[in-house]
């Protein structure tokens, strides 16, 4: 994967995010709750061990992305409907975790 990973378009959906990675049909739809549970911030992941410390039971099943903010040229901050919004999802991480069928087939 190239070092300069940046999406062409990011769109907030009712139940997650849609990212157009290449402008040629590589669309990825990220479901909101799994993305929220994967928040990389220090309140959700132990900084030393990198183990998740977020209790999934504290995240509502219907959590939604209420606001998206670009962070520099490398990532995305999501403000969640549960009030959380400190994590930065890097474009590299999002691309590496692309849930499209093509990527799932090449990663499994």
Protein backbone atom coordinates (compact mmCIF):
# COMPACT_ATOMS: atom_id res chain seq x y z
CA UNK A 1 0.00 0.00 0.00
CA UNK A 2 1.30 3.45 -0.87
CA UNK A 3 2.43 5.76 1.91
CA UNK A 4 0.10 8.53 0.76
CA UNK A 5 -3.30 6.99 1.49
CA UNK A 6 -6.08 9.53 1.15
CA UNK A 7 -9.72 9.08 0.19
CA UNK A 8 -11.32 10.88 -2.73
CA UNK A 9 -14.59 11.43 -0.84
CA UNK A 10 -15.98 10.81 2.66
CA UNK A 11 -19.70 10.80 3.32
CA UNK A 12 -21.60 10.39 6.56
CA UNK A 13 -24.40 7.83 6.29
CA UNK A 14 -27.32 7.20 8.62
CA UNK A 15 -25.62 4.10 9.97
CA UNK A 16 -21.92 4.75 9.34
CA UNK A 17 -19.48 6.22 6.84
CA UNK A 18 -18.86 5.77 3.15
CA UNK A 19 -15.38 6.33 1.78
CA UNK A 20 -14.53 6.47 -1.91
CA UNK A 21 -10.89 5.44 -1.98
CA UNK A 22 -10.01 5.87 -5.63
CA UNK A 23 -12.83 7.59 -7.49
CA UNK A 24 -13.16 4.49 -9.67
CA UNK A 25 -15.67 2.46 -7.71
CA UNK A 26 -13.71 1.40 -4.64
CA UNK A 27 -16.41 2.36 -2.13
CA UNK A 28 -16.19 1.22 1.46
CA UNK A 29 -19.07 1.40 3.90
CA UNK A 30 -18.01 1.33 7.54
CA UNK A 31 -20.76 0.45 10.02
CA UNK A 32 -21.01 2.99 12.84
CA UNK A 33 -20.86 0.79 15.95
CA UNK A 34 -17.85 -1.35 14.94
CA UNK A 35 -16.02 1.83 13.96
CA UNK A 36 -16.89 3.45 17.31
CA UNK A 37 -15.69 0.32 19.15
CA UNK A 38 -12.39 0.56 17.25
CA UNK A 39 -11.72 4.12 18.45
CA UNK A 40 -7.93 4.48 18.83
CA UNK A 41 -7.91 7.21 21.51
CA UNK A 42 -6.22 6.82 24.91
CA UNK A 43 -9.62 6.59 26.60
CA UNK A 44 -10.53 3.54 24.50
CA UNK A 45 -7.14 1.82 24.06
CA UNK A 46 -4.40 1.33 26.65
CA UNK A 47 -1.44 3.36 25.44
CA UNK A 48 1.17 0.88 26.66
CA UNK A 49 -0.32 -2.47 25.66
CA UNK A 50 -2.56 -1.24 22.80
CA UNK A 51 -5.36 -3.39 24.26
CA UNK A 52 -8.91 -2.09 24.08
CA UNK A 53 -10.19 -0.74 27.39
CA UNK A 54 -13.54 0.52 26.09
CA UNK A 55 -16.41 -1.55 27.49
CA UNK A 56 -18.63 -2.34 24.47
CA UNK A 57 -21.66 -2.38 26.79
CA UNK A 58 -21.23 1.40 27.24
CA UNK A 59 -21.68 2.08 23.51
CA UNK A 60 -25.32 2.23 22.41
CA UNK A 61 -26.28 -0.20 19.64
CA UNK A 62 -27.64 2.72 17.61
CA UNK A 63 -24.56 4.98 17.94
CA UNK A 64 -24.15 7.27 14.93
CA UNK A 65 -21.49 9.55 13.52
CA UNK A 66 -22.89 13.01 14.14
CA UNK A 67 -19.97 15.03 12.75
CA UNK A 68 -16.84 14.37 10.67
CA UNK A 69 -13.68 16.50 10.74
CA UNK A 70 -10.57 16.12 8.62
CA UNK A 71 -7.38 16.09 10.68
CA UNK A 72 -4.48 17.37 8.63
CA UNK A 73 -4.03 15.32 5.49
CA UNK A 74 -3.86 12.02 7.33
CA UNK A 75 -7.02 11.30 9.24
CA UNK A 76 -10.58 11.74 10.32
CA UNK A 77 -12.09 12.66 13.68
CA UNK A 78 -15.60 11.39 14.23
CA UNK A 79 -17.91 12.99 16.76
CA UNK A 80 -20.24 10.23 17.90
CA UNK A 81 -23.84 10.46 19.07
CA UNK A 82 -22.77 9.00 22.45
CA UNK A 83 -20.72 12.16 23.08
CA UNK A 84 -17.31 10.66 22.28
CA UNK A 85 -15.05 12.39 19.78
CA UNK A 86 -11.37 12.27 20.71
CA UNK A 87 -10.13 9.48 18.47
CA UNK A 88 -8.44 10.08 15.13
CA UNK A 89 -8.89 7.35 12.55
CA UNK A 90 -5.94 7.61 10.20
CA UNK A 91 -6.62 7.14 6.52
CA UNK A 92 -4.02 4.37 6.54
CA UNK A 93 -5.92 2.51 9.31
CA UNK A 94 -9.26 2.99 7.57
CA UNK A 95 -7.83 1.74 4.27
CA UNK A 96 -6.20 -1.27 5.95
CA UNK A 97 -9.56 -2.11 7.53
CA UNK A 98 -11.60 -1.55 4.38
CA UNK A 99 -14.73 -3.71 4.71
CA UNK A 100 -15.51 -3.99 0.98
CA UNK A 101 -15.80 -7.49 -0.49
CA UNK A 102 -12.72 -7.03 -2.66
CA UNK A 103 -10.51 -6.12 0.31
CA UNK A 104 -12.03 -8.74 2.60
CA UNK A 105 -11.22 -11.34 -0.04
CA UNK A 106 -7.62 -10.21 -0.33
CA UNK A 107 -7.09 -10.00 3.44
CA UNK A 108 -8.58 -13.36 4.36
